[in-house]
N, C-alpha and C. Protein backbone atom coordinates (compact mmCIF):
# COMPACT_ATOMS: atom_id res chain seq x y z
N UNK A 1 -7.94 23.79 -9.13
CA UNK A 1 -7.52 22.99 -8.00
C UNK A 1 -8.62 21.99 -7.60
N UNK A 2 -9.86 22.38 -7.77
CA UNK A 2 -10.98 21.50 -7.41
C UNK A 2 -11.04 20.29 -8.35
N UNK A 3 -10.66 20.49 -9.60
CA UNK A 3 -10.68 19.37 -10.56
C UNK A 3 -9.62 18.34 -10.18
N UNK A 4 -8.43 18.81 -9.80
CA UNK A 4 -7.36 17.90 -9.40
C UNK A 4 -7.76 17.13 -8.15
N UNK A 5 -8.38 17.80 -7.21
CA UNK A 5 -8.83 17.12 -5.99
C UNK A 5 -9.88 16.06 -6.31
N UNK A 6 -10.78 16.36 -7.23
CA UNK A 6 -11.81 15.40 -7.63
C UNK A 6 -11.18 14.18 -8.31
N UNK A 7 -10.22 14.42 -9.17
CA UNK A 7 -9.53 13.32 -9.86
C UNK A 7 -8.78 12.46 -8.85
N UNK A 8 -8.08 13.09 -7.91
CA UNK A 8 -7.36 12.33 -6.89
C UNK A 8 -8.30 11.55 -5.99
N UNK A 9 -9.47 12.10 -5.70
CA UNK A 9 -10.45 11.40 -4.89
C UNK A 9 -10.99 10.17 -5.61
N UNK A 10 -11.24 10.29 -6.91
CA UNK A 10 -11.71 9.15 -7.69
C UNK A 10 -10.63 8.06 -7.74
N UNK A 11 -9.38 8.46 -7.95
CA UNK A 11 -8.28 7.49 -7.96
C UNK A 11 -8.15 6.84 -6.58
N UNK A 12 -8.32 7.61 -5.53
CA UNK A 12 -8.24 7.10 -4.16
C UNK A 12 -9.32 6.04 -3.92
N UNK A 13 -10.52 6.29 -4.39
CA UNK A 13 -11.61 5.33 -4.23
C UNK A 13 -11.33 4.06 -5.03
N UNK A 14 -10.82 4.19 -6.24
CA UNK A 14 -10.50 3.01 -7.06
C UNK A 14 -9.38 2.18 -6.43
N UNK A 15 -8.36 2.85 -5.91
CA UNK A 15 -7.26 2.14 -5.24
C UNK A 15 -7.79 1.44 -4.00
N UNK A 16 -8.68 2.08 -3.27
CA UNK A 16 -9.26 1.47 -2.07
C UNK A 16 -10.02 0.20 -2.41
N UNK A 17 -10.84 0.26 -3.45
CA UNK A 17 -11.60 -0.92 -3.86
C UNK A 17 -10.68 -2.04 -4.35
N UNK A 18 -9.65 -1.69 -5.12
CA UNK A 18 -8.70 -2.69 -5.60
C UNK A 18 -7.96 -3.33 -4.44
N UNK A 19 -7.62 -2.54 -3.45
CA UNK A 19 -6.91 -3.05 -2.28
C UNK A 19 -7.79 -4.02 -1.49
N UNK A 20 -9.05 -3.70 -1.36
CA UNK A 20 -9.99 -4.58 -0.67
C UNK A 20 -10.10 -5.92 -1.39
N UNK A 21 -10.25 -5.87 -2.71
CA UNK A 21 -10.39 -7.10 -3.50
C UNK A 21 -9.12 -7.94 -3.41
N UNK A 22 -7.96 -7.31 -3.52
CA UNK A 22 -6.71 -8.06 -3.48
C UNK A 22 -6.47 -8.72 -2.12
N UNK A 23 -6.80 -8.02 -1.05
CA UNK A 23 -6.62 -8.61 0.28
C UNK A 23 -7.56 -9.79 0.47
N UNK A 24 -8.77 -9.69 -0.03
CA UNK A 24 -9.72 -10.79 0.11
C UNK A 24 -9.35 -11.99 -0.77
N UNK A 25 -8.62 -11.77 -1.85
CA UNK A 25 -8.21 -12.86 -2.74
C UNK A 25 -7.05 -13.67 -2.17
N UNK A 26 -6.29 -13.11 -1.25
CA UNK A 26 -5.11 -13.79 -0.73
C UNK A 26 -5.48 -14.87 0.26
N UNK A 27 -4.60 -15.87 0.34
CA UNK A 27 -4.80 -16.96 1.29
C UNK A 27 -4.33 -16.52 2.67
N UNK A 28 -4.78 -17.21 3.69
CA UNK A 28 -4.35 -16.92 5.04
C UNK A 28 -2.89 -17.30 5.24
N UNK A 29 -2.25 -16.70 6.22
CA UNK A 29 -0.84 -16.96 6.47
C UNK A 29 -0.62 -18.08 7.47
N UNK A 30 -1.67 -18.68 8.00
CA UNK A 30 -1.50 -19.76 8.96
C UNK A 30 -0.97 -20.99 8.24
N UNK A 31 0.07 -21.58 8.80
CA UNK A 31 0.73 -22.69 8.14
C UNK A 31 0.01 -24.01 8.40
N UNK A 32 -0.75 -24.11 9.47
CA UNK A 32 -1.45 -25.34 9.79
C UNK A 32 -0.49 -26.41 10.26
N UNK A 33 -0.85 -27.66 10.09
CA UNK A 33 -0.02 -28.77 10.55
C UNK A 33 1.15 -29.05 9.62
N UNK A 34 1.14 -28.49 8.43
CA UNK A 34 2.23 -28.72 7.48
C UNK A 34 3.55 -28.16 7.97
N UNK A 35 3.53 -27.12 8.77
CA UNK A 35 4.75 -26.50 9.27
C UNK A 35 5.44 -27.38 10.31
N UNK A 36 4.67 -28.21 10.99
CA UNK A 36 5.26 -29.08 12.02
C UNK A 36 6.14 -30.15 11.39
N UNK A 37 5.65 -30.75 10.32
CA UNK A 37 6.39 -31.85 9.71
C UNK A 37 7.36 -31.37 8.63
N UNK A 38 7.40 -30.09 8.34
CA UNK A 38 8.33 -29.58 7.34
C UNK A 38 7.82 -29.64 5.92
N UNK A 39 6.54 -29.86 5.74
CA UNK A 39 5.96 -29.95 4.40
C UNK A 39 6.00 -28.61 3.69
N UNK A 40 6.06 -27.52 4.43
CA UNK A 40 6.04 -26.20 3.82
C UNK A 40 7.29 -25.91 3.02
N UNK A 41 8.36 -26.67 3.22
CA UNK A 41 9.61 -26.44 2.50
C UNK A 41 9.66 -27.24 1.20
N UNK A 42 8.63 -27.17 0.42
CA UNK A 42 8.61 -27.84 -0.87
C UNK A 42 8.96 -26.85 -1.96
N UNK A 43 8.89 -27.30 -3.18
CA UNK A 43 9.18 -26.42 -4.33
C UNK A 43 8.25 -25.22 -4.33
N UNK A 44 6.97 -25.44 -4.08
CA UNK A 44 6.00 -24.34 -4.13
C UNK A 44 6.20 -23.40 -2.96
N UNK A 45 6.64 -23.90 -1.83
CA UNK A 45 6.89 -23.04 -0.68
C UNK A 45 8.08 -22.12 -0.90
N UNK A 46 9.12 -22.62 -1.57
CA UNK A 46 10.31 -21.82 -1.81
C UNK A 46 10.12 -20.81 -2.93
N UNK A 47 9.33 -21.14 -3.92
CA UNK A 47 9.12 -20.27 -5.08
C UNK A 47 7.78 -19.55 -5.03
N UNK A 48 7.33 -19.23 -3.85
CA UNK A 48 6.03 -18.59 -3.69
C UNK A 48 6.02 -17.19 -4.30
N UNK A 49 7.17 -16.52 -4.36
CA UNK A 49 7.23 -15.18 -4.93
C UNK A 49 6.95 -15.14 -6.41
N UNK A 50 7.13 -16.26 -7.08
CA UNK A 50 6.90 -16.33 -8.53
C UNK A 50 5.50 -16.79 -8.87
N UNK A 51 4.74 -17.20 -7.87
CA UNK A 51 3.40 -17.70 -8.11
C UNK A 51 2.39 -16.56 -8.13
N UNK A 52 1.15 -16.92 -8.32
CA UNK A 52 0.07 -15.94 -8.31
C UNK A 52 -0.06 -15.29 -6.93
N UNK A 53 0.16 -16.08 -5.89
CA UNK A 53 0.08 -15.54 -4.52
C UNK A 53 1.16 -14.50 -4.29
N UNK A 54 2.35 -14.75 -4.81
CA UNK A 54 3.44 -13.79 -4.68
C UNK A 54 3.15 -12.50 -5.42
N UNK A 55 2.54 -12.63 -6.60
CA UNK A 55 2.18 -11.45 -7.36
C UNK A 55 1.11 -10.63 -6.63
N UNK A 56 0.16 -11.31 -6.01
CA UNK A 56 -0.87 -10.61 -5.25
C UNK A 56 -0.27 -9.83 -4.08
N UNK A 57 0.72 -10.42 -3.43
CA UNK A 57 1.37 -9.75 -2.30
C UNK A 57 2.12 -8.50 -2.78
N UNK A 58 2.82 -8.62 -3.90
CA UNK A 58 3.56 -7.47 -4.43
C UNK A 58 2.63 -6.34 -4.86
N UNK A 59 1.55 -6.70 -5.54
CA UNK A 59 0.58 -5.68 -5.98
C UNK A 59 -0.08 -5.03 -4.77
N UNK A 60 -0.37 -5.81 -3.73
CA UNK A 60 -0.98 -5.27 -2.52
C UNK A 60 -0.05 -4.26 -1.86
N UNK A 61 1.24 -4.57 -1.81
CA UNK A 61 2.20 -3.64 -1.21
C UNK A 61 2.25 -2.33 -1.99
N UNK A 62 2.27 -2.41 -3.31
CA UNK A 62 2.32 -1.19 -4.13
C UNK A 62 1.06 -0.36 -3.93
N UNK A 63 -0.09 -1.02 -3.96
CA UNK A 63 -1.35 -0.30 -3.77
C UNK A 63 -1.47 0.29 -2.37
N UNK A 64 -0.90 -0.38 -1.38
CA UNK A 64 -0.93 0.17 -0.01
C UNK A 64 -0.11 1.46 0.06
N UNK A 65 1.04 1.48 -0.60
CA UNK A 65 1.87 2.69 -0.62
C UNK A 65 1.14 3.82 -1.35
N UNK A 66 0.52 3.49 -2.50
CA UNK A 66 -0.24 4.50 -3.25
C UNK A 66 -1.40 5.02 -2.41
N UNK A 67 -2.06 4.12 -1.69
CA UNK A 67 -3.17 4.51 -0.82
C UNK A 67 -2.72 5.50 0.24
N UNK A 68 -1.60 5.22 0.90
CA UNK A 68 -1.10 6.09 1.96
C UNK A 68 -0.68 7.45 1.40
N UNK A 69 -0.01 7.44 0.26
CA UNK A 69 0.43 8.71 -0.35
C UNK A 69 -0.77 9.54 -0.77
N UNK A 70 -1.76 8.91 -1.40
CA UNK A 70 -2.96 9.66 -1.80
C UNK A 70 -3.72 10.19 -0.60
N UNK A 71 -3.80 9.42 0.46
CA UNK A 71 -4.48 9.87 1.67
C UNK A 71 -3.77 11.10 2.25
N UNK A 72 -2.44 11.08 2.25
CA UNK A 72 -1.69 12.23 2.76
C UNK A 72 -1.87 13.46 1.87
N UNK A 73 -1.81 13.25 0.57
CA UNK A 73 -1.97 14.38 -0.37
C UNK A 73 -3.37 14.98 -0.26
N UNK A 74 -4.39 14.13 -0.17
CA UNK A 74 -5.75 14.64 -0.05
C UNK A 74 -5.98 15.34 1.28
N UNK A 75 -5.29 14.89 2.32
CA UNK A 75 -5.43 15.54 3.62
C UNK A 75 -4.73 16.88 3.65
N UNK A 76 -3.58 16.97 3.02
CA UNK A 76 -2.83 18.23 2.98
C UNK A 76 -3.57 19.28 2.15
N UNK A 77 -4.20 18.84 1.08
CA UNK A 77 -4.86 19.80 0.18
C UNK A 77 -6.31 20.04 0.56
N UNK A 78 -6.61 20.11 1.83
CA UNK A 78 -7.99 20.35 2.28
C UNK A 78 -8.50 21.74 1.88
N UNK A 79 -7.64 22.70 1.92
CA UNK A 79 -8.11 24.08 1.72
C UNK A 79 -8.32 24.38 0.31
């Protein structure tokens, strides 16, 4: 049981570091003055999910779920 806890702890640390890096790589969500004039509704604004930024958001969501699940599992298996 101690080996499994150690492996889960190492995975938890790696997921934490990956999550930190991914969040820091993302752009801010502030639209700036472009939202006032409607510039945000361009081709790149509509297809943001297919871009690198969209991929970063999806990976961040998956890693956040893995982080929460691992945190719960490690907390439950304290004994």
